[in-house]
Protein backbone atom coordinates (compact mmCIF):
# COMPACT_ATOMS: atom_id res chain seq x y z
CA MET A 1 -11.25 12.36 16.43
CA GLU A 2 -11.05 16.08 16.41
CA LYS A 3 -10.25 17.85 13.25
CA VAL A 4 -7.63 20.20 14.91
CA SER A 5 -6.04 16.89 16.47
CA VAL A 6 -6.05 15.30 12.82
CA LEU A 7 -4.36 18.18 10.97
CA SER A 8 -2.16 18.66 14.06
CA MET A 9 -0.85 14.67 13.48
CA ILE A 10 -0.51 15.22 9.56
CA ILE A 11 1.66 18.43 9.96
CA ARG A 12 3.83 16.73 12.64
CA GLY A 13 4.16 13.54 10.71
CA VAL A 14 5.15 15.09 7.64
CA GLU A 15 7.56 17.60 9.33
CA SER A 16 10.83 15.88 9.21
CA THR A 17 10.60 14.59 5.63
CA MET A 18 9.41 18.36 4.62
CA ASN A 19 12.69 19.47 6.38
CA ASN A 20 14.83 17.07 4.67
CA ASN A 21 14.07 18.18 1.41
CA GLY A 22 14.24 21.96 2.12
CA PHE A 23 10.69 22.73 2.86
CA ALA A 24 9.03 24.43 5.56
CA VAL A 25 4.86 25.21 6.10
CA VAL A 26 3.84 28.59 5.10
CA VAL A 27 2.10 30.47 8.03
CA PRO A 28 -1.02 32.27 6.22
CA GLN A 29 -1.36 35.85 7.12
CA ASP A 30 -3.78 37.32 9.87
CA ILE A 31 -3.57 33.88 11.47
CA GLU A 32 -4.32 34.02 15.24
CA LYS A 33 -1.21 32.74 17.45
CA GLY A 34 -1.17 29.43 18.19
CA SER A 35 -3.29 28.27 15.59
CA LEU A 36 -2.72 25.68 13.05
CA PRO A 37 -1.17 26.88 9.81
CA VAL A 38 -4.05 25.90 7.53
CA THR A 39 -6.34 27.92 5.37
CA GLU A 40 -10.36 27.08 4.77
CA LYS A 41 -11.89 28.00 1.50
CA ASN A 42 -15.00 26.49 -0.18
CA GLY A 43 -14.85 23.53 2.07
CA CYS A 44 -11.01 22.75 1.34
CA THR A 45 -8.38 22.77 3.89
CA THR A 46 -5.14 23.49 2.74
CA ILE A 47 -1.46 23.11 4.41
CA LEU A 48 0.92 24.73 2.08
CA TYR A 49 4.89 24.43 2.16
CA ASP A 50 7.59 26.44 0.49
CA GLY A 51 11.19 25.62 -0.35
CA LYS A 52 14.04 25.97 -2.90
CA LYS A 53 12.84 23.23 -4.92
CA GLY A 54 9.51 24.47 -5.74
CA SER A 55 6.40 24.15 -3.34
CA ALA A 56 4.14 21.49 -2.05
CA LYS A 57 0.34 21.42 -0.52
CA ILE A 58 -1.90 19.15 1.12
CA GLU A 59 -5.58 19.51 0.66
CA ILE A 60 -8.47 18.03 2.40
CA PHE A 61 -11.63 18.33 0.33
CA GLU A 62 -15.00 16.19 -0.29
CA GLY A 63 -13.92 13.21 1.85
CA LYS A 64 -10.43 13.06 0.30
CA ILE A 65 -6.87 13.83 1.03
CA ALA A 66 -4.24 14.78 -1.72
CA LEU A 67 -0.74 15.88 -2.01
CA PHE A 68 0.22 18.23 -4.83
CA CYS A 69 3.69 19.25 -6.06
CA SER A 70 5.01 22.28 -7.95
CA ALA A 71 8.35 23.93 -9.27
CA ALA A 72 7.37 26.94 -8.84
CA ALA A 73 7.64 28.92 -5.52
CA ALA A 74 4.74 29.13 -3.02
CA GLY A 75 4.59 32.70 -3.25
CA SER A 76 4.12 32.81 -7.28
CA ALA A 77 2.54 29.13 -7.60
CA VAL A 78 -0.97 29.16 -9.11
CA ASP A 79 -3.24 26.18 -9.19
CA GLU A 80 -2.58 25.26 -12.49
CA ASP A 81 1.10 24.61 -11.64
CA PHE A 82 0.26 21.84 -8.83
CA LYS A 83 0.70 18.43 -10.17
CA LYS A 84 -1.71 15.74 -7.95
CA VAL A 85 0.92 13.34 -6.61
CA THR A 86 -1.25 11.12 -4.93
CA THR A 87 -4.87 11.13 -3.31
CA THR A 88 -6.89 8.75 -1.31
CA LEU A 89 -10.32 8.39 0.72
CA PHE A 90 -10.22 10.47 4.18
CA ASP A 91 -13.22 11.41 5.86
CA ILE A 92 -11.87 13.90 8.43
CA GLU A 93 -14.29 13.22 11.04
CA LYS A 94 -14.30 9.43 11.05
CA VAL A 95 -10.39 8.78 10.35
CA ASP A 96 -8.39 7.27 13.08
CA GLU A 97 -4.80 7.05 13.99
CA ARG A 98 -3.80 4.13 11.53
CA ASP A 99 -5.42 5.93 8.68
CA ILE A 100 -3.71 9.20 9.34
CA LYS A 101 -0.32 7.17 9.69
CA TYR A 102 -0.68 5.58 6.14
CA VAL A 103 -1.50 9.07 4.87
CA VAL A 104 1.58 10.63 6.40
CA ASN A 105 3.59 7.49 5.10
CA GLU A 106 2.39 7.92 1.56
CA PHE A 107 3.04 11.47 1.57
CA CYS A 108 6.50 11.39 2.74
CA ASP A 109 7.50 8.62 0.22
CA CYS A 110 5.72 10.75 -2.63
CA ILE A 111 7.79 14.09 -1.27
CA ASN A 112 11.30 12.04 -1.22
CA ASP A 113 10.40 10.52 -4.53
CA THR A 114 9.48 13.94 -6.08
CA TYR A 115 12.23 16.02 -4.42
CA GLY A 116 14.84 13.84 -3.13
CA LYS A 117 18.19 12.68 -4.89
CA LYS A 118 17.32 9.93 -7.34
CA ASP A 119 19.81 7.03 -7.30
CA LYS A 120 19.29 5.25 -10.68
CA ALA A 121 21.91 2.47 -9.85
CA LYS A 122 19.48 1.12 -6.90
CA LYS A 123 16.27 2.05 -8.72
CA LEU A 124 13.69 -0.64 -7.15
CA PRO A 125 11.03 -2.00 -9.21
CA GLN A 126 7.83 -0.15 -9.60
CA PRO A 127 4.29 -1.36 -9.36
CA VAL A 128 1.93 -1.54 -12.06
CA SER A 129 -0.76 0.98 -12.56
CA LYS A 130 -4.41 0.36 -12.35
CA SER A 131 -5.04 2.04 -16.00
CA ALA A 132 -2.13 0.09 -17.37
CA ALA A 133 -3.93 -3.32 -15.72
CA LYS A 134 -7.34 -2.24 -16.91
CA SER A 135 -5.93 -1.78 -20.34
CA GLY A 136 -4.75 -5.07 -20.76
CA SER A 137 -1.28 -3.94 -21.77
CA VAL A 138 0.13 -5.45 -18.48
CA TYR A 139 -0.88 -7.48 -15.74
CA TYR A 140 -0.22 -6.62 -12.17
CA ASP A 141 3.08 -8.28 -10.81
CA LEU A 142 4.21 -9.50 -7.41
CA VAL A 143 5.61 -5.73 -6.82
CA THR A 144 2.17 -4.39 -7.48
CA LEU A 145 0.78 -7.04 -4.85
CA GLY A 146 2.97 -6.13 -2.29
CA SER A 147 3.01 -2.40 -2.46
CA ARG A 148 -1.08 -2.61 -2.38
CA PHE A 149 -0.86 -4.58 0.74
CA VAL A 150 1.44 -2.53 2.67
CA GLN A 151 -0.85 0.49 1.67
CA ILE A 152 -3.48 -1.27 3.82
CA TYR A 153 -1.06 -2.04 6.37
CA PRO A 154 1.57 0.45 6.48
CA ASP A 155 3.34 -0.66 9.29
CA LEU A 156 4.77 -3.45 7.17
CA LYS A 157 6.19 -0.88 4.80
CA ALA A 158 9.75 -1.24 6.00
CA GLU A 159 9.56 -4.69 5.71
CA TYR A 160 8.44 -4.85 2.20
CA LYS A 161 11.06 -2.20 1.08
CA ALA A 162 13.61 -4.39 3.31
CA ASN A 163 12.60 -7.40 0.94
CA LEU A 164 12.78 -5.32 -2.23
CA GLU A 165 16.40 -3.66 -1.59
CA LYS A 166 18.10 -6.93 -0.25
CA TYR A 167 17.17 -9.06 -3.38
CA GLY A 168 16.49 -6.20 -5.93
CA GLU A 169 12.87 -8.35 -6.30
CA PHE A 170 9.86 -8.97 -4.18
CA LEU A 171 10.15 -12.27 -2.95
CA ALA A 172 6.62 -12.36 -2.12
CA ASP A 173 6.60 -16.11 -0.12
CA ASP A 174 9.11 -14.72 2.11
CA PHE A 175 7.49 -11.43 3.03
CA PHE A 176 3.97 -12.90 3.39
CA VAL A 177 4.90 -16.05 5.50
CA ASN A 178 7.18 -14.17 7.90
CA HIS A 179 5.37 -10.81 8.09
CA GLY A 180 1.94 -10.53 5.91
CA ASN A 181 0.24 -13.34 7.06
CA ALA A 182 -0.07 -12.57 10.46
CA VAL A 183 -1.49 -9.29 10.10
CA PHE A 184 -3.90 -10.48 7.15
CA ARG A 185 -5.07 -13.26 9.63
CA GLU A 186 -5.70 -10.81 12.40
CA THR A 187 -8.04 -8.86 10.37
CA VAL A 188 -10.12 -12.20 9.14
CA LYS A 189 -10.11 -12.92 12.72
CA LYS A 190 -11.86 -9.47 13.45
CA ASN A 191 -14.05 -9.80 10.59
CA ASP A 192 -14.83 -5.89 10.62
CA PRO A 193 -16.83 -5.64 7.30
CA GLN A 194 -15.53 -2.19 6.46
CA GLN A 195 -11.80 -3.56 6.92
CA MET A 196 -12.47 -6.88 5.21
CA LYS A 197 -14.14 -5.41 2.32
CA LYS A 198 -11.21 -2.95 2.02
CA LEU A 199 -8.68 -5.84 1.78
CA PHE A 200 -10.55 -8.22 -0.41
CA ASN A 201 -11.52 -5.56 -2.97
CA MET A 202 -7.69 -5.17 -3.25
CA LEU A 203 -7.01 -8.88 -3.58
CA ASN A 204 -9.97 -9.61 -6.03
CA GLU A 205 -8.64 -6.45 -8.04
CA VAL A 206 -4.91 -7.90 -8.36
CA TYR A 207 -6.00 -11.32 -8.63
CA ASN A 208 -8.41 -10.75 -11.84
CA ASP A 209 -5.43 -8.63 -13.54
CA GLY A 210 -2.51 -10.57 -12.40
CA THR A 211 -0.05 -12.79 -13.68
CA ASN A 212 -0.27 -16.60 -12.92
CA GLN A 213 2.44 -16.30 -9.97
CA VAL A 214 0.41 -13.35 -8.29
CA GLN A 215 -2.29 -15.40 -8.28
CA SER A 216 -0.78 -18.41 -6.89
CA VAL A 217 0.45 -16.17 -4.22
CA ILE A 218 -2.80 -14.81 -3.29
CA VAL A 219 -4.52 -18.25 -3.36
CA VAL A 220 -2.21 -20.29 -1.76
CA THR A 221 0.54 -18.44 0.19
CA ILE A 222 -2.02 -15.67 1.61
CA LEU A 223 -5.22 -17.28 1.89
CA GLY A 224 -4.03 -20.64 1.78
CA SER A 225 -2.66 -19.83 5.31
CA LEU A 226 -5.77 -20.22 6.35
CA TYR A 227 -6.20 -24.17 6.04
CA ASP A 228 -5.85 -25.01 9.75
CA ASP A 229 -9.24 -22.74 10.84
CA GLU A 230 -12.46 -23.19 9.02
CA THR A 231 -14.07 -20.29 10.82
CA LEU A 232 -11.49 -17.86 9.76
CA LEU A 233 -11.85 -19.06 5.89
CA ALA A 234 -15.62 -19.09 6.22
CA ASN A 235 -15.26 -15.13 6.74
CA CYS A 236 -13.66 -14.57 3.84
CA VAL A 237 -16.41 -16.53 1.56
CA ASP A 238 -18.59 -13.73 1.32
CA TYR A 239 -15.83 -11.24 0.11
CA MET A 240 -13.98 -13.22 -2.41
CA ASP A 241 -15.10 -13.29 -6.32
CA GLU A 242 -13.66 -15.31 -9.06
CA MET A 243 -10.96 -17.12 -6.45
CA THR A 244 -13.49 -18.50 -4.15
CA LEU A 245 -13.50 -22.12 -5.44
CA PHE A 246 -9.55 -22.25 -6.02
CA VAL A 247 -8.98 -20.97 -2.34
CA ILE A 248 -11.28 -23.58 -0.80
CA GLU A 249 -9.76 -26.30 -3.17
CA THR A 250 -6.31 -25.23 -2.02
CA ASN A 251 -6.92 -25.17 1.59
CA LYS A 252 -8.48 -28.87 1.47
CA ILE A 253 -5.18 -29.96 -0.20
CA LEU A 254 -2.87 -28.16 2.62
CA LYS A 255 -5.32 -29.33 5.25
CA ARG A 256 -4.80 -33.10 4.23
CA SER A 257 -1.11 -32.97 2.84
CA SER A 258 2.05 -32.01 5.25
CA SER A 259 4.26 -31.76 2.27
CA ALA A 260 2.09 -29.10 0.81
CA ARG A 261 2.05 -27.36 4.24
CA SER A 262 5.74 -27.82 4.59
CA LYS A 263 6.10 -25.74 0.92
CA LEU A 264 3.84 -23.03 2.09
CA GLU A 265 5.34 -22.46 5.85
CA ARG A 266 9.05 -22.89 4.49
CA PRO A 267 9.31 -20.98 1.34
CA PRO A 268 12.57 -22.25 -0.95
CA LEU A 269 16.02 -19.93 -0.15
CA TYR A 270 16.53 -17.36 -2.47
CA LYS A 271 18.11 -17.98 -5.73
CA PRO A 272 19.52 -15.16 -8.34
CA LYS A 273 16.31 -14.86 -10.84
CA LYS A 274 16.57 -17.02 -13.88
CA LYS A 275 15.51 -16.31 -17.36
CA LYS A 276 13.39 -19.66 -17.48
CA LYS A 277 10.01 -18.91 -16.27
CA MET A 278 9.24 -21.23 -13.19
CA SER A 279 6.00 -22.77 -12.72
CA GLY A 280 3.21 -21.75 -10.24
CA PHE A 281 3.28 -22.90 -6.80
CA MET A 282 -0.12 -24.15 -6.96
CA ASN A 283 0.82 -26.85 -9.37
CA GLN A 284 3.82 -27.77 -6.81
CA LEU A 285 0.75 -28.36 -4.15
CA ASN A 286 -0.98 -30.79 -6.71
CA GLY A 287 2.32 -32.67 -7.19
CA GLY A 288 3.26 -31.17 -10.02
CA ASN A 289 7.21 -31.00 -8.81
């Protein structure tokens, strides 16, 4: 995809959200008529926005794309005024429409979170940061698993948010059985090395530093959905780390046990959250009802 097309798609993609938050793109001086409102300097491509609430800019540099926000107006803001809100890998010569859509959705969410109206009464649970999980102070939870999953599959972001808003917590079994597992299975079926590595890097990381509940959802609800196809399961083996044996054993249980499959395919109806900690789904599969 040509660079001009990529930049044009990004500008159009964030335009509505920028406008809704009072921002407009800044057209550089001396730019040729009909050209995109971008600047190029020292290998960095910049799209600048200005508004009553401050300024924002999108920068593409060194194989990455980032969104920066500032409380200062674009005309007076200097580099030190801008705070990096989000960044992701982005090879502008190799990206496709799916990559661009993910970036646009991420930037729009960040702009709304930074400049939009905050409703404290309806504040949704937030994912655990990588730094917090790696420090050992907290474990990855189900919200983090869902959030990281829809970063890879942005088409499911609306379903993820609807799940959170409806229940006030993330019902992972409901989301993956009804939405997530279908796209997960399609990725495994295609077995594209780049996509598989991206997916399983996330799953391995969240599994290794996740709660028992998170580990059960990854091993049983997601990877256990492959019990009916040994070829698909085999596609995953080279990408799994510590959870490999658990996944293989779980799939064996699901393949031979109709009651276990019933629990997987028909998650229990939602019940309000209780203080008592519930046992993991892996125990249920092994008869620990």
